[in-house]
Structures are given as structure tokens and as C-alpha cells.
Protein backbone atom coordinates (compact mmCIF):
# COMPACT_ATOMS: atom_id res chain seq x y z
CA MET A 1 -0.10 0.05 0.24
CA ALA A 2 1.30 3.47 -1.11
CA TRP A 3 2.16 6.11 1.43
CA ILE A 4 3.53 9.40 1.11
CA ILE A 5 5.31 11.63 4.03
CA ASP A 6 3.34 14.62 6.13
CA LYS A 7 6.01 16.77 6.06
CA ALA A 8 4.89 19.15 8.22
CA HIS A 9 4.48 16.47 10.87
CA SER A 10 8.07 14.75 9.95
CA ALA A 11 11.41 15.38 10.90
CA ILE A 12 14.67 14.15 9.86
CA ASN A 13 17.43 15.02 13.02
CA PHE A 14 21.16 14.52 14.06
CA SER A 15 23.63 15.47 16.36
CA VAL A 16 27.16 14.92 16.56
CA LYS A 17 30.01 15.53 19.45
CA HIS A 18 32.09 18.97 19.09
CA MET A 19 35.42 19.00 20.55
CA MET A 20 34.74 15.79 22.62
CA ILE A 21 32.87 17.45 25.06
CA SER A 22 29.17 18.68 23.77
CA THR A 23 26.89 17.87 21.02
CA VAL A 24 25.81 19.63 18.03
CA ARG A 25 22.21 18.90 17.08
CA GLY A 26 20.53 19.83 13.48
CA SER A 27 18.25 19.04 10.94
CA PHE A 28 17.49 18.75 7.11
CA LYS A 29 14.28 21.12 6.61
CA GLU A 30 14.01 19.52 2.78
CA PHE A 31 13.39 15.49 1.96
CA ASP A 32 11.12 13.57 0.88
CA ALA A 33 9.97 9.62 0.68
CA ARG A 34 8.01 6.89 -0.91
CA LEU A 35 6.83 4.12 1.37
CA ASP A 36 4.92 0.82 0.16
CA LEU A 37 4.03 -0.69 3.17
CA ASN A 38 2.99 -4.40 3.25
CA GLU A 39 0.80 -4.80 6.27
CA GLN A 40 0.32 -8.57 5.70
CA ASP A 41 4.02 -9.11 5.11
CA PRO A 42 6.15 -5.98 6.54
CA ALA A 43 9.46 -7.87 5.56
CA HIS A 44 8.05 -6.83 1.80
CA SER A 45 7.81 -3.46 2.58
CA TYR A 46 9.90 -0.80 0.70
CA ILE A 47 11.25 2.55 1.46
CA GLU A 48 12.83 5.21 -0.77
CA GLY A 49 14.12 8.66 0.89
CA THR A 50 15.93 11.82 -0.74
CA VAL A 51 17.30 14.69 1.22
CA ASN A 52 18.41 18.14 -0.19
CA LEU A 53 21.73 18.52 1.79
CA ALA A 54 21.72 22.26 1.05
CA SER A 55 18.77 22.38 3.49
CA ILE A 56 21.10 21.36 6.57
CA ASP A 57 20.38 23.61 9.74
CA THR A 58 22.62 23.45 12.35
CA LYS A 59 21.39 27.03 14.04
CA ASP A 60 24.81 28.46 12.92
CA PRO A 61 25.14 29.60 9.18
CA ASN A 62 29.03 29.73 9.22
CA ARG A 63 28.87 26.29 10.11
CA ASP A 64 26.07 25.36 7.75
CA GLY A 65 28.11 26.90 5.14
CA HIS A 66 30.81 24.49 5.87
CA LEU A 67 29.05 21.33 5.98
CA ARG A 68 27.74 22.32 2.61
CA SER A 69 31.28 22.76 1.39
CA PRO A 70 33.70 20.17 -0.27
CA ASP A 71 34.86 19.47 3.11
CA PHE A 72 32.12 17.62 4.08
CA PHE A 73 28.66 17.24 1.83
CA ASP A 74 29.90 19.05 -1.33
CA VAL A 75 26.24 20.14 -2.01
CA GLU A 76 27.31 21.46 -5.26
CA ASN A 77 28.38 18.19 -7.15
CA HIS A 78 26.38 15.87 -4.70
CA PRO A 79 23.06 17.76 -3.90
CA THR A 80 21.22 14.56 -2.30
CA MET A 81 21.60 11.91 -0.20
CA THR A 82 19.41 8.69 -0.58
CA PHE A 83 18.11 5.80 1.19
CA ARG A 84 16.61 2.93 -0.80
CA SER A 85 15.62 -0.31 1.63
CA LYS A 86 16.78 -3.58 0.56
CA HIS A 87 14.53 -6.04 3.14
CA VAL A 88 12.99 -5.54 6.33
CA GLU A 89 13.27 -7.82 9.38
CA VAL A 90 10.51 -7.67 11.95
CA LYS A 91 11.83 -7.67 15.45
CA GLY A 92 8.75 -7.69 17.24
CA HIS A 93 5.24 -6.63 17.34
CA ASP A 94 6.16 -2.55 16.92
CA ARG A 95 9.64 -2.97 16.00
CA PHE A 96 11.52 -3.22 12.78
CA HIS A 97 14.76 -3.33 11.20
CA VAL A 98 14.81 -1.77 7.86
CA ILE A 99 18.33 -2.62 5.89
CA GLY A 100 19.06 -0.49 3.02
CA ASP A 101 21.83 1.24 1.31
CA LEU A 102 22.53 5.02 2.13
CA THR A 103 24.32 7.22 -0.42
CA ILE A 104 26.47 10.27 0.67
CA LYS A 105 28.50 12.05 -1.32
CA GLY A 106 28.59 9.71 -3.88
CA ILE A 107 29.73 6.48 -1.65
CA THR A 108 27.31 3.84 -0.70
CA ARG A 109 27.17 1.93 2.29
CA GLU A 110 24.31 -0.87 3.64
CA VAL A 111 23.06 0.59 6.97
CA VAL A 112 20.28 -0.73 9.47
CA PHE A 113 17.88 1.75 10.74
CA ASP A 114 16.14 0.64 14.16
CA VAL A 115 12.25 1.91 13.45
CA THR A 116 9.56 1.47 16.21
CA GLU A 117 6.08 1.98 14.81
CA GLU A 118 4.35 4.79 17.02
CA GLY A 119 0.69 4.33 16.00
CA ARG A 120 -1.90 5.35 13.22
CA GLY A 121 -5.29 6.75 13.17
CA ARG A 122 -7.58 8.85 11.20
CA ASP A 123 -7.40 12.83 10.62
CA PRO A 124 -10.71 14.88 11.05
CA TRP A 125 -10.83 14.71 7.11
CA GLY A 126 -10.81 10.75 7.04
CA LYS A 127 -7.23 10.28 5.85
CA GLU A 128 -5.17 7.41 7.57
CA HIS A 129 -1.84 8.42 9.08
CA TRP A 130 0.74 5.92 10.39
CA GLY A 131 3.80 7.31 12.31
CA PHE A 132 7.32 5.56 12.64
CA THR A 133 10.65 6.72 14.48
CA ALA A 134 13.80 4.94 13.03
CA ASP A 135 17.31 5.57 14.44
CA LEU A 136 20.46 5.34 12.86
CA VAL A 137 24.12 5.75 13.91
CA ILE A 138 26.90 5.99 11.02
CA ASN A 139 30.72 6.81 10.99
CA ARG A 140 30.76 9.84 8.83
CA LYS A 141 34.37 8.76 7.34
CA ASP A 142 32.56 5.99 5.66
CA PHE A 143 30.73 8.75 3.15
CA GLY A 144 33.89 10.66 2.89
CA LEU A 145 33.16 13.21 5.37
CA ASN A 146 36.42 12.94 6.82
CA TRP A 147 37.60 16.79 7.65
CA ASN A 148 38.55 17.23 11.12
CA VAL A 149 41.01 19.23 12.92
CA ALA A 150 43.39 17.81 16.19
CA LEU A 151 42.83 19.33 19.33
CA GLU A 152 45.78 20.60 21.51
CA THR A 153 44.47 18.66 24.29
CA GLY A 154 44.21 15.51 22.18
CA GLY A 155 41.17 14.19 20.10
CA TRP A 156 39.32 15.84 17.73
CA LEU A 157 37.11 18.92 16.67
CA VAL A 158 34.32 17.08 15.20
CA GLY A 159 32.98 13.48 16.45
CA GLU A 160 33.06 10.58 14.11
CA GLN A 161 29.84 9.09 14.94
CA VAL A 162 26.33 10.67 13.77
CA LYS A 163 23.35 9.71 15.49
CA VAL A 164 20.22 10.21 13.03
CA THR A 165 16.71 10.01 13.99
CA ILE A 166 13.73 10.22 11.65
CA ASP A 167 10.33 11.24 13.26
CA LEU A 168 7.87 10.35 9.88
CA GLU A 169 4.10 10.58 9.78
CA ALA A 170 2.62 8.65 6.70
CA VAL A 171 -0.16 9.26 4.97
CA ASN A 172 -2.03 6.69 2.94
CA VAL A 173 -2.51 7.98 -1.00
CA GLN A 174 -4.90 5.17 -1.79
CA GLU A 175 -7.60 6.37 -0.16
CA GLN A 176 -9.76 9.14 -0.67
CA PRO A 177 -11.58 10.91 2.07
CA VAL A 178 -15.40 10.52 2.32
CA GLU A 179 -15.87 14.40 2.78
CA GLN A 180 -13.52 15.14 -0.30
CA SER A 181 -14.90 12.88 -2.57
CA GLN A 182 -18.54 13.80 -1.72
CA ALA A 183 -17.36 17.34 -2.48
CA GLU A 184 -15.82 16.39 -5.73
CA THR A 185 -18.90 14.58 -6.73
CA THR A 186 -21.26 17.73 -5.74
CA LYS A 187 -18.99 19.74 -7.55
CA VAL A 188 -19.46 17.91 -10.88
């Protein structure tokens, strides 16, 4: 069954250590995904997503500019990050592992998202919504994001491990809300 993201109620956030003592948090403001969710056999579900890397926001314009530069994402040559699932493993009643290919800066690696189903329901207009949270930890160097500065006290300015959390609300696109279909019939 086909679902799309309700972008107003979804977010892609990340965090990384700064100077090994604090955590910098950020998000991507522009993203999209398509989900084909098989309720009877979740292992045959499919997820595909794209993130506009220029939409990065860490609440510091200078840092955001550096992250867009060739030192990190090189958005001029690699404007998007993509994910395509290969398979889904059921880990419990509302827990799943979504295994697939993540591509950043032209480098593709297999990753595993730890996904929790948060619930589902209908909005006041009859559309069905389904919520999920997905967590992932990657090493940024695996994707060619190698820039760093050694600290005088030891360690590095930017941590290698990046924690990603996706809060996703999906909307069933195959359903036509009762109120909308009646309104369209009345217009004819």
C-alpha cells in the first residue's frame, strides 16, 4: 500500500560530538520519501527517501556553509543523500530493522535503521496516518566526510559518529477521504 510523508509532521534530525565534550544538533528541512508498506508481510515493504543536503540547519549559518562545502557534503556536486531499502526484518510487535543502501557524497553503504511503529489513526478529514521513529548511527568517514582538526588537548574537533533520528508521519495515498470525494461529486 502506497504512503507519502506528511512533511509538516515529520523531521530528520542528527547529532554529533563537538570537541569531544558537547553535542551539536541539526536537521534537514527538505526531504521526501515513498513507502510501500505491506501490512500482512512487513518484510516485503519498501522505503525510498531523498534529502536535500543544502537544507541542513544547525542554527549556525557559518557552520551550515562549511557543511555544504567540499570539506563535508559538497552539495554543488552531490546535492542529495538517498536511501533505498533492501529488506525489512520484524523484531517485535512494533519494532523493525530496515536494511538498505544509504548514499552520501557518491558513496553507498549498507545501513540498518532501528524502526519503531508509533501508532496510526485517521485525521478529521478521513485520511489514514501512520507514525514511525527510525534511529541510525553512522561513521561519517565511511561516506567520505573526513574533514577534522586535531585538538591540542588530544582528540578531534568533530566526532566521527553521527546519530540520526527520523520522526515520520506517513499518509495513505490510495484512500480518498469520504468528505473530499463527496465534495468533488457535488462540484460536478
